[in-house]
Amino acid sequence: DYIEVVKWLRTKPYVDATKIGITGGSYGGYTTCMALTYGADYFTHGIAGSSVTDWNLYDTHYTERFMDTPAENPEGYKNGLVMTYADRYKGLLRIVHGTMDDNVHMQNSIQLVDKLQDLGKHFEFMVYPGGRHGWGGAKAVHNRIEAAHFWYRNLLEKPMPEEDFAKLYQQRGTGRPPR
């Protein structure tokens, strides 16, 4: 369990308990969203990409294999719903989603954004037009760079070094970053 890991990490003198980050995409994005809501007393920062936030919106072939149908397991679906715990959210979550994701529909992220806005919570939201469930090219490079900026800014509290920015940008294969 992720919360148990954080409890253990907090016992280490070299861990800053005010800066515990988590990141993931798809199911890992779901885990990230749950960590920042359900586990808000333990996780402070996260980047969630293409996240399931409501199992009612995901592929029934997969979901019902593990959770049964919503009619058979309403409590399970409620307990697995990120928005159930949104009122606990107090860290900083960066939500990332592609508009053409045909695996985890963007409606998942939109529902979470809507709930967090209704609650007056601070978060970041990045949309990748035309992005599917994962993307390549310039958008992937942009996402990596923005993620690195997020971690530097919020966990290290300093700007990302120019050489790190250049390395991430060069993965695009276009040479030096624009200025």
N, C-alpha and C. Protein backbone atom coordinates (compact mmCIF):
# COMPACT_ATOMS: atom_id res chain seq x y z
N ASP A 1 0.84 -1.19 0.00
CA ASP A 1 0.00 0.00 0.00
C ASP A 1 0.89 1.25 0.00
N TYR A 2 0.55 2.19 -0.84
CA TYR A 2 1.38 3.39 -1.02
C TYR A 2 1.46 4.23 0.25
N ILE A 3 0.39 4.32 0.99
CA ILE A 3 0.40 5.11 2.22
C ILE A 3 1.38 4.51 3.22
N GLU A 4 1.44 3.19 3.30
CA GLU A 4 2.39 2.54 4.21
C GLU A 4 3.83 2.86 3.81
N VAL A 5 4.09 2.93 2.52
CA VAL A 5 5.44 3.28 2.04
C VAL A 5 5.78 4.70 2.48
N VAL A 6 4.83 5.62 2.33
CA VAL A 6 5.08 7.01 2.74
C VAL A 6 5.30 7.09 4.25
N LYS A 7 4.54 6.34 5.02
CA LYS A 7 4.76 6.32 6.47
C LYS A 7 6.19 5.88 6.78
N TRP A 8 6.66 4.87 6.08
CA TRP A 8 8.04 4.39 6.27
C TRP A 8 9.04 5.45 5.83
N LEU A 9 8.79 6.07 4.66
CA LEU A 9 9.70 7.11 4.18
C LEU A 9 9.83 8.26 5.17
N ARG A 10 8.73 8.60 5.79
CA ARG A 10 8.74 9.72 6.75
C ARG A 10 9.62 9.44 7.97
N THR A 11 9.97 8.20 8.21
CA THR A 11 10.86 7.87 9.33
C THR A 11 12.32 8.12 8.98
N LYS A 12 12.60 8.37 7.71
CA LYS A 12 13.98 8.56 7.26
C LYS A 12 14.36 10.03 7.40
N PRO A 13 15.53 10.31 7.95
CA PRO A 13 15.93 11.70 8.19
C PRO A 13 16.15 12.50 6.90
N TYR A 14 16.39 11.84 5.81
CA TYR A 14 16.67 12.52 4.54
C TYR A 14 15.42 12.75 3.70
N VAL A 15 14.25 12.42 4.20
CA VAL A 15 13.00 12.61 3.46
C VAL A 15 12.24 13.80 4.04
N ASP A 16 11.88 14.72 3.16
CA ASP A 16 11.07 15.87 3.53
C ASP A 16 9.60 15.47 3.41
N ALA A 17 8.94 15.27 4.52
CA ALA A 17 7.55 14.80 4.53
C ALA A 17 6.58 15.80 3.93
N THR A 18 7.03 17.05 3.74
CA THR A 18 6.16 18.06 3.14
C THR A 18 6.25 18.04 1.61
N LYS A 19 7.06 17.14 1.09
CA LYS A 19 7.25 17.06 -0.36
C LYS A 19 7.30 15.60 -0.80
N ILE A 20 6.15 14.96 -0.83
CA ILE A 20 6.06 13.57 -1.26
C ILE A 20 5.30 13.53 -2.58
N GLY A 21 6.00 13.20 -3.65
CA GLY A 21 5.40 13.21 -4.98
C GLY A 21 5.13 11.82 -5.52
N ILE A 22 4.19 11.78 -6.45
CA ILE A 22 3.82 10.53 -7.12
C ILE A 22 3.38 10.89 -8.54
N THR A 23 3.64 10.01 -9.47
CA THR A 23 3.23 10.26 -10.85
C THR A 23 2.85 8.95 -11.52
N GLY A 24 2.00 9.05 -12.51
CA GLY A 24 1.62 7.86 -13.26
C GLY A 24 0.64 8.20 -14.35
N GLY A 25 0.52 7.28 -15.28
CA GLY A 25 -0.42 7.44 -16.38
C GLY A 25 -1.34 6.24 -16.45
N SER A 26 -2.55 6.45 -16.93
CA SER A 26 -3.57 5.43 -17.05
C SER A 26 -3.93 4.93 -15.64
N TYR A 27 -3.73 3.65 -15.33
CA TYR A 27 -4.02 3.21 -13.97
C TYR A 27 -3.09 3.90 -12.97
N GLY A 28 -1.86 4.17 -13.39
CA GLY A 28 -0.95 4.93 -12.54
C GLY A 28 -1.45 6.34 -12.29
N GLY A 29 -2.15 6.90 -13.26
CA GLY A 29 -2.78 8.21 -13.08
C GLY A 29 -3.91 8.13 -12.07
N TYR A 30 -4.67 7.04 -12.14
CA TYR A 30 -5.72 6.80 -11.14
C TYR A 30 -5.10 6.72 -9.75
N THR A 31 -4.02 5.96 -9.63
CA THR A 31 -3.33 5.83 -8.35
C THR A 31 -2.85 7.19 -7.86
N THR A 32 -2.32 7.99 -8.77
CA THR A 32 -1.87 9.34 -8.41
C THR A 32 -3.02 10.19 -7.90
N CYS A 33 -4.14 10.17 -8.61
CA CYS A 33 -5.31 10.94 -8.18
C CYS A 33 -5.82 10.48 -6.82
N MET A 34 -5.85 9.18 -6.61
CA MET A 34 -6.28 8.66 -5.31
C MET A 34 -5.28 9.04 -4.21
N ALA A 35 -4.00 9.04 -4.54
CA ALA A 35 -2.98 9.41 -3.56
C ALA A 35 -3.17 10.86 -3.10
N LEU A 36 -3.52 11.74 -4.03
CA LEU A 36 -3.68 13.16 -3.70
C LEU A 36 -5.04 13.49 -3.11
N THR A 37 -5.98 12.55 -3.16
CA THR A 37 -7.31 12.77 -2.57
C THR A 37 -7.47 11.87 -1.35
N TYR A 38 -7.65 10.59 -1.56
CA TYR A 38 -7.81 9.63 -0.47
C TYR A 38 -6.60 9.69 0.48
N GLY A 39 -5.41 9.78 -0.09
CA GLY A 39 -4.18 9.79 0.70
C GLY A 39 -3.60 11.18 0.88
N ALA A 40 -4.44 12.19 0.91
CA ALA A 40 -3.99 13.59 0.96
C ALA A 40 -3.14 13.93 2.19
N ASP A 41 -3.25 13.16 3.24
CA ASP A 41 -2.42 13.42 4.42
C ASP A 41 -1.00 12.90 4.24
N TYR A 42 -0.74 12.21 3.15
CA TYR A 42 0.56 11.59 2.93
C TYR A 42 1.25 12.08 1.66
N PHE A 43 0.50 12.35 0.62
CA PHE A 43 1.06 12.77 -0.67
C PHE A 43 0.78 14.25 -0.88
N THR A 44 1.80 14.97 -1.34
CA THR A 44 1.66 16.42 -1.49
C THR A 44 1.64 16.89 -2.93
N HIS A 45 2.26 16.16 -3.83
CA HIS A 45 2.36 16.58 -5.23
C HIS A 45 2.20 15.38 -6.14
N GLY A 46 1.59 15.61 -7.30
CA GLY A 46 1.43 14.52 -8.24
C GLY A 46 1.16 14.99 -9.66
N ILE A 47 1.54 14.15 -10.59
CA ILE A 47 1.20 14.35 -12.00
C ILE A 47 0.45 13.11 -12.45
N ALA A 48 -0.79 13.33 -12.89
CA ALA A 48 -1.67 12.23 -13.30
C ALA A 48 -1.98 12.38 -14.78
N GLY A 49 -1.58 11.39 -15.56
CA GLY A 49 -1.83 11.42 -17.00
C GLY A 49 -2.87 10.40 -17.41
N SER A 50 -3.80 10.81 -18.25
CA SER A 50 -4.81 9.90 -18.83
C SER A 50 -5.46 9.03 -17.76
N SER A 51 -5.92 9.65 -16.71
CA SER A 51 -6.36 8.94 -15.51
C SER A 51 -7.81 8.51 -15.54
N VAL A 52 -8.05 7.29 -15.12
CA VAL A 52 -9.41 6.88 -14.77
C VAL A 52 -9.73 7.59 -13.46
N THR A 53 -10.88 8.25 -13.41
CA THR A 53 -11.32 8.85 -12.14
C THR A 53 -12.67 8.27 -11.72
N ASP A 54 -13.34 7.60 -12.66
CA ASP A 54 -14.67 7.03 -12.41
C ASP A 54 -14.76 5.71 -13.18
N TRP A 55 -14.80 4.60 -12.47
CA TRP A 55 -14.80 3.28 -13.12
C TRP A 55 -16.07 3.03 -13.92
N ASN A 56 -17.11 3.81 -13.72
CA ASN A 56 -18.31 3.71 -14.56
C ASN A 56 -18.01 4.13 -16.00
N LEU A 57 -16.96 4.91 -16.19
CA LEU A 57 -16.61 5.43 -17.52
C LEU A 57 -15.60 4.56 -18.25
N TYR A 58 -15.08 3.53 -17.60
CA TYR A 58 -14.03 2.72 -18.22
C TYR A 58 -14.63 1.48 -18.87
N ASP A 59 -13.85 0.83 -19.69
CA ASP A 59 -14.23 -0.38 -20.43
C ASP A 59 -14.81 -1.44 -19.48
N THR A 60 -16.06 -1.79 -19.72
CA THR A 60 -16.74 -2.74 -18.83
C THR A 60 -16.09 -4.12 -18.85
N HIS A 61 -15.50 -4.51 -19.98
CA HIS A 61 -14.85 -5.81 -20.08
C HIS A 61 -13.76 -5.94 -19.03
N TYR A 62 -13.00 -4.87 -18.85
CA TYR A 62 -11.93 -4.87 -17.85
C TYR A 62 -12.49 -4.63 -16.46
N THR A 63 -13.27 -3.57 -16.30
CA THR A 63 -13.73 -3.14 -14.98
C THR A 63 -14.59 -4.20 -14.30
N GLU A 64 -15.55 -4.74 -15.03
CA GLU A 64 -16.48 -5.68 -14.41
C GLU A 64 -15.83 -7.02 -14.08
N ARG A 65 -14.72 -7.31 -14.70
CA ARG A 65 -13.98 -8.53 -14.37
C ARG A 65 -13.47 -8.47 -12.94
N PHE A 66 -13.13 -7.28 -12.48
CA PHE A 66 -12.57 -7.11 -11.14
C PHE A 66 -13.57 -6.54 -10.13
N MET A 67 -14.54 -5.76 -10.63
CA MET A 67 -15.44 -5.05 -9.71
C MET A 67 -16.90 -5.47 -9.81
N ASP A 68 -17.22 -6.41 -10.69
CA ASP A 68 -18.62 -6.73 -11.00
C ASP A 68 -19.28 -5.49 -11.62
N THR A 69 -20.57 -5.52 -11.77
CA THR A 69 -21.27 -4.39 -12.38
C THR A 69 -21.56 -3.34 -11.30
N PRO A 70 -21.81 -2.10 -11.73
CA PRO A 70 -22.17 -1.07 -10.75
C PRO A 70 -23.41 -1.45 -9.94
N ALA A 71 -24.36 -2.14 -10.54
CA ALA A 71 -25.56 -2.56 -9.82
C ALA A 71 -25.23 -3.61 -8.75
N GLU A 72 -24.26 -4.48 -9.05
CA GLU A 72 -23.87 -5.53 -8.10
C GLU A 72 -22.92 -5.03 -7.01
N ASN A 73 -22.21 -3.95 -7.29
CA ASN A 73 -21.17 -3.47 -6.38
C ASN A 73 -21.18 -1.94 -6.28
N PRO A 74 -22.29 -1.34 -5.91
CA PRO A 74 -22.35 0.13 -5.87
C PRO A 74 -21.35 0.74 -4.88
N GLU A 75 -21.11 0.09 -3.75
CA GLU A 75 -20.15 0.61 -2.76
C GLU A 75 -18.74 0.60 -3.32
N GLY A 76 -18.40 -0.47 -4.04
CA GLY A 76 -17.07 -0.56 -4.64
C GLY A 76 -16.82 0.55 -5.65
N TYR A 77 -17.82 0.83 -6.47
CA TYR A 77 -17.69 1.91 -7.45
C TYR A 77 -17.60 3.27 -6.77
N LYS A 78 -18.37 3.46 -5.70
CA LYS A 78 -18.31 4.72 -4.95
C LYS A 78 -16.94 4.87 -4.29
N ASN A 79 -16.44 3.80 -3.68
CA ASN A 79 -15.15 3.85 -3.00
C ASN A 79 -13.99 4.00 -3.98
N GLY A 80 -14.18 3.57 -5.22
CA GLY A 80 -13.14 3.71 -6.24
C GLY A 80 -13.22 5.00 -7.03
N LEU A 81 -14.18 5.83 -6.72
CA LEU A 81 -14.40 7.09 -7.42
C LEU A 81 -13.51 8.17 -6.82
N VAL A 82 -12.62 8.73 -7.61
CA VAL A 82 -11.70 9.76 -7.12
C VAL A 82 -12.48 10.93 -6.51
N MET A 83 -13.57 11.33 -7.15
CA MET A 83 -14.33 12.49 -6.69
C MET A 83 -14.93 12.28 -5.28
N THR A 84 -15.08 11.03 -4.85
CA THR A 84 -15.57 10.75 -3.50
C THR A 84 -14.68 11.39 -2.44
N TYR A 85 -13.39 11.49 -2.74
CA TYR A 85 -12.41 11.98 -1.76
C TYR A 85 -11.85 13.36 -2.11
N ALA A 86 -12.41 14.01 -3.12
CA ALA A 86 -11.87 15.28 -3.60
C ALA A 86 -11.85 16.36 -2.52
N ASP A 87 -12.76 16.29 -1.58
CA ASP A 87 -12.79 17.30 -0.51
C ASP A 87 -11.55 17.21 0.38
N ARG A 88 -10.86 16.08 0.38
CA ARG A 88 -9.64 15.90 1.18
C ARG A 88 -8.41 16.52 0.50
N TYR A 89 -8.50 16.74 -0.80
CA TYR A 89 -7.36 17.22 -1.60
C TYR A 89 -6.82 18.52 -1.04
N LYS A 90 -5.48 18.58 -0.86
CA LYS A 90 -4.85 19.79 -0.35
C LYS A 90 -3.45 20.01 -0.91
N GLY A 91 -2.99 19.14 -1.77
CA GLY A 91 -1.65 19.27 -2.33
C GLY A 91 -1.67 20.03 -3.64
N LEU A 92 -0.86 19.57 -4.57
CA LEU A 92 -0.86 20.14 -5.92
C LEU A 92 -0.82 19.00 -6.93
N LEU A 93 -1.87 18.92 -7.71
CA LEU A 93 -2.01 17.88 -8.72
C LEU A 93 -1.98 18.51 -10.09
N ARG A 94 -1.17 17.95 -10.97
CA ARG A 94 -1.13 18.34 -12.38
C ARG A 94 -1.85 17.22 -13.13
N ILE A 95 -2.94 17.57 -13.79
CA ILE A 95 -3.76 16.62 -14.55
C ILE A 95 -3.45 16.81 -16.02
N VAL A 96 -3.15 15.72 -16.72
CA VAL A 96 -2.78 15.77 -18.14
C VAL A 96 -3.64 14.77 -18.89
N HIS A 97 -4.21 15.20 -20.03
CA HIS A 97 -5.04 14.27 -20.81
C HIS A 97 -5.06 14.69 -22.27
N GLY A 98 -5.11 13.71 -23.16
CA GLY A 98 -5.27 13.94 -24.59
C GLY A 98 -6.74 13.92 -24.97
N THR A 99 -7.12 14.78 -25.90
CA THR A 99 -8.54 14.90 -26.25
C THR A 99 -9.06 13.71 -27.04
N MET A 100 -8.20 12.93 -27.65
CA MET A 100 -8.63 11.79 -28.47
C MET A 100 -8.32 10.45 -27.80
N ASP A 101 -8.16 10.45 -26.50
CA ASP A 101 -7.87 9.22 -25.76
C ASP A 101 -9.08 8.30 -25.87
N ASP A 102 -8.90 7.18 -26.56
CA ASP A 102 -10.02 6.24 -26.74
C ASP A 102 -9.96 5.07 -25.75
N ASN A 103 -9.01 5.11 -24.84
CA ASN A 103 -8.93 4.09 -23.80
C ASN A 103 -9.53 4.64 -22.50
N VAL A 104 -8.96 5.70 -21.99
CA VAL A 104 -9.51 6.41 -20.83
C VAL A 104 -10.05 7.73 -21.36
N HIS A 105 -11.33 7.83 -21.52
CA HIS A 105 -11.92 9.02 -22.13
C HIS A 105 -11.64 10.25 -21.28
N MET A 106 -11.46 11.36 -21.97
CA MET A 106 -11.12 12.61 -21.30
C MET A 106 -12.19 13.04 -20.29
N GLN A 107 -13.38 12.53 -20.44
CA GLN A 107 -14.46 12.83 -19.50
C GLN A 107 -14.03 12.54 -18.06
N ASN A 108 -13.15 11.55 -17.88
CA ASN A 108 -12.63 11.25 -16.54
C ASN A 108 -11.94 12.46 -15.94
N SER A 109 -11.01 13.05 -16.68
CA SER A 109 -10.29 14.22 -16.17
C SER A 109 -11.21 15.42 -16.03
N ILE A 110 -12.12 15.59 -16.99
CA ILE A 110 -13.04 16.73 -16.93
C ILE A 110 -13.90 16.66 -15.67
N GLN A 111 -14.37 15.47 -15.31
CA GLN A 111 -15.18 15.34 -14.09
C GLN A 111 -14.37 15.70 -12.84
N LEU A 112 -13.10 15.30 -12.82
CA LEU A 112 -12.27 15.65 -11.67
C LEU A 112 -12.01 17.15 -11.63
N VAL A 113 -11.69 17.73 -12.78
CA VAL A 113 -11.47 19.18 -12.86
C VAL A 113 -12.72 19.92 -12.37
N ASP A 114 -13.87 19.49 -12.83
CA ASP A 114 -15.13 20.12 -12.44
C ASP A 114 -15.32 20.06 -10.92
N LYS A 115 -15.06 18.91 -10.34
CA LYS A 115 -15.23 18.73 -8.89
C LYS A 115 -14.24 19.60 -8.12
N LEU A 116 -12.98 19.61 -8.55
CA LEU A 116 -11.97 20.42 -7.86
C LEU A 116 -12.30 21.91 -7.97
N GLN A 117 -12.80 22.34 -9.13
CA GLN A 117 -13.21 23.74 -9.28
C GLN A 117 -14.37 24.06 -8.34
N ASP A 118 -15.36 23.17 -8.29
CA ASP A 118 -16.50 23.38 -7.40
C ASP A 118 -16.07 23.52 -5.94
N LEU A 119 -15.01 22.81 -5.59
CA LEU A 119 -14.50 22.85 -4.22
C LEU A 119 -13.51 23.99 -3.98
N GLY A 120 -13.20 24.75 -5.04
CA GLY A 120 -12.26 25.86 -4.91
C GLY A 120 -10.82 25.42 -4.70
N LYS A 121 -10.46 24.26 -5.23
CA LYS A 121 -9.12 23.70 -5.04
C LYS A 121 -8.17 24.19 -6.14
N HIS A 122 -6.89 24.31 -5.79
CA HIS A 122 -5.85 24.70 -6.75
C HIS A 122 -5.25 23.45 -7.38
N PHE A 123 -5.11 23.46 -8.69
CA PHE A 123 -4.51 22.34 -9.43
C PHE A 123 -4.06 22.86 -10.78
N GLU A 124 -3.36 22.03 -11.54
CA GLU A 124 -2.95 22.36 -12.90
C GLU A 124 -3.62 21.38 -13.85
N PHE A 125 -3.93 21.85 -15.05
CA PHE A 125 -4.59 20.99 -16.05
C PHE A 125 -3.99 21.30 -17.41
N MET A 126 -3.47 20.27 -18.06
CA MET A 126 -2.89 20.41 -19.40
C MET A 126 -3.63 19.48 -20.35
N VAL A 127 -4.13 20.05 -21.43
CA VAL A 127 -4.83 19.30 -22.46
C VAL A 127 -3.92 19.18 -23.67
N TYR A 128 -3.86 17.99 -24.26
CA TYR A 128 -3.11 17.78 -25.49
C TYR A 128 -4.10 17.49 -26.61
N PRO A 129 -4.43 18.52 -27.42
CA PRO A 129 -5.38 18.33 -28.52
C PRO A 129 -4.91 17.23 -29.47
N GLY A 130 -5.80 16.31 -29.76
CA GLY A 130 -5.48 15.19 -30.64
C GLY A 130 -4.70 14.08 -29.97
N GLY A 131 -4.32 14.28 -28.71
CA GLY A 131 -3.54 13.27 -27.99
C GLY A 131 -4.38 12.04 -27.67
N ARG A 132 -3.80 10.89 -27.93
CA ARG A 132 -4.49 9.63 -27.62
C ARG A 132 -4.04 9.15 -26.24
N HIS A 133 -4.14 7.86 -25.99
CA HIS A 133 -3.73 7.31 -24.70
C HIS A 133 -2.22 7.15 -24.72
N GLY A 134 -1.55 8.24 -24.48
CA GLY A 134 -0.11 8.33 -24.70
C GLY A 134 0.10 8.98 -26.06
N TRP A 135 1.14 9.71 -26.20
CA TRP A 135 1.38 10.41 -27.46
C TRP A 135 2.86 10.54 -27.66
N GLY A 136 3.25 10.82 -28.88
CA GLY A 136 4.65 10.97 -29.21
C GLY A 136 4.92 12.34 -29.79
N GLY A 137 6.11 12.49 -30.34
CA GLY A 137 6.46 13.72 -31.03
C GLY A 137 6.58 14.92 -30.10
N ALA A 138 6.26 16.07 -30.67
CA ALA A 138 6.43 17.34 -29.96
C ALA A 138 5.60 17.40 -28.68
N LYS A 139 4.42 16.82 -28.70
CA LYS A 139 3.56 16.86 -27.51
C LYS A 139 4.17 16.03 -26.36
N ALA A 140 4.78 14.92 -26.69
CA ALA A 140 5.43 14.10 -25.66
C ALA A 140 6.61 14.85 -25.05
N VAL A 141 7.37 15.51 -25.91
CA VAL A 141 8.50 16.30 -25.40
C VAL A 141 7.99 17.43 -24.52
N HIS A 142 6.96 18.12 -24.99
CA HIS A 142 6.37 19.20 -24.20
C HIS A 142 5.92 18.67 -22.83
N ASN A 143 5.27 17.54 -22.81
CA ASN A 143 4.79 16.96 -21.56
C ASN A 143 5.95 16.63 -20.62
N ARG A 144 7.02 16.06 -21.16
CA ARG A 144 8.19 15.75 -20.32
C ARG A 144 8.81 17.01 -19.74
N ILE A 145 8.93 18.04 -20.58
CA ILE A 145 9.52 19.30 -20.11
C ILE A 145 8.65 19.93 -19.03
N GLU A 146 7.36 19.97 -19.27
CA GLU A 146 6.45 20.57 -18.28
C GLU A 146 6.44 19.77 -16.98
N ALA A 147 6.53 18.45 -17.08
CA ALA A 147 6.60 17.62 -15.88
C ALA A 147 7.88 17.93 -15.09
N ALA A 148 9.00 18.05 -15.80
CA ALA A 148 10.26 18.37 -15.13
C ALA A 148 10.17 19.74 -14.45
N HIS A 149 9.60 20.72 -15.16
CA HIS A 149 9.41 22.05 -14.55
C HIS A 149 8.56 21.94 -13.28
N PHE A 150 7.50 21.14 -13.34
CA PHE A 150 6.62 20.95 -12.18
C PHE A 150 7.41 20.44 -10.97
N TRP A 151 8.22 19.40 -11.19
CA TRP A 151 8.97 18.82 -10.07
C TRP A 151 10.04 19.79 -9.56
N TYR A 152 10.77 20.44 -10.46
CA TYR A 152 11.78 21.40 -10.02
C TYR A 152 11.13 22.53 -9.22
N ARG A 153 10.07 23.11 -9.77
CA ARG A 153 9.40 24.27 -9.17
C ARG A 153 8.81 23.91 -7.80
N ASN A 154 8.18 22.76 -7.69
CA ASN A 154 7.42 22.45 -6.49
C ASN A 154 8.15 21.61 -5.45
N LEU A 155 9.04 20.74 -5.87
CA LEU A 155 9.75 19.92 -4.90
C LEU A 155 11.14 20.46 -4.59
N LEU A 156 11.84 20.92 -5.62
CA LEU A 156 13.18 21.45 -5.41
C LEU A 156 13.19 22.96 -5.16
N GLU A 157 12.07 23.60 -5.51
CA GLU A 157 11.90 25.05 -5.33
C GLU A 157 13.00 25.85 -6.02
N LYS A 158 13.30 25.46 -7.24
CA LYS A 158 14.27 26.20 -8.05
C LYS A 158 13.94 25.95 -9.51
N PRO A 159 14.43 26.81 -10.39
CA PRO A 159 14.17 26.59 -11.82
C PRO A 159 14.96 25.39 -12.33
N MET A 160 14.44 24.79 -13.38
CA MET A 160 15.13 23.67 -13.99
C MET A 160 16.40 24.20 -14.67
N PRO A 161 17.55 23.57 -14.43
CA PRO A 161 18.79 24.02 -15.07
C PRO A 161 18.69 23.97 -16.59
N GLU A 162 19.31 24.93 -17.22
CA GLU A 162 19.28 25.04 -18.68
C GLU A 162 19.74 23.75 -19.36
N GLU A 163 20.76 23.10 -18.81
CA GLU A 163 21.26 21.87 -19.45
C GLU A 163 20.23 20.75 -19.38
N ASP A 164 19.45 20.68 -18.31
CA ASP A 164 18.39 19.67 -18.22
C ASP A 164 17.28 19.96 -19.21
N PHE A 165 16.93 21.25 -19.33
CA PHE A 165 15.92 21.66 -20.30
C PHE A 165 16.38 21.29 -21.71
N ALA A 166 17.63 21.59 -22.02
CA ALA A 166 18.17 21.30 -23.35
C ALA A 166 18.17 19.81 -23.64
N LYS A 167 18.52 18.99 -22.65
CA LYS A 167 18.53 17.53 -22.85
C LYS A 167 17.13 17.01 -23.17
N LEU A 168 16.15 17.48 -22.42
CA LEU A 168 14.77 17.05 -22.68
C LEU A 168 14.30 17.51 -24.05
N TYR A 169 14.65 18.72 -24.41
CA TYR A 169 14.21 19.26 -25.69
C TYR A 169 14.88 18.53 -26.85
N GLN A 170 16.15 18.18 -26.69
CA GLN A 170 16.88 17.51 -27.77
C GLN A 170 16.35 16.11 -28.04
N GLN A 171 15.65 15.52 -27.11
CA GLN A 171 15.04 14.21 -27.35
C GLN A 171 14.04 14.29 -28.49
N ARG A 172 13.63 15.47 -28.81
CA ARG A 172 12.71 15.70 -29.92
C ARG A 172 13.45 15.54 -31.25
N GLY A 173 14.78 15.68 -31.21
CA GLY A 173 15.56 15.55 -32.43
C GLY A 173 15.64 16.83 -33.23
N THR A 174 15.37 17.97 -32.59
CA THR A 174 15.38 19.23 -33.33
C THR A 174 16.50 20.15 -32.89
N GLY A 175 17.42 19.66 -32.09
CA GLY A 175 18.53 20.51 -31.68
C GLY A 175 18.23 21.33 -30.45
N ARG A 176 18.69 22.57 -30.48
CA ARG A 176 18.57 23.46 -29.32
C ARG A 176 17.13 23.93 -29.11
N PRO A 177 16.78 24.16 -27.86
CA PRO A 177 15.44 24.69 -27.58
C PRO A 177 15.29 26.12 -28.08
N PRO A 178 14.08 26.51 -28.42
CA PRO A 178 13.87 27.88 -28.89
C PRO A 178 14.00 28.87 -27.74
N ARG A 179 14.39 30.05 -28.05
CA ARG A 179 14.48 31.14 -27.04
C ARG A 179 13.84 32.37 -27.61
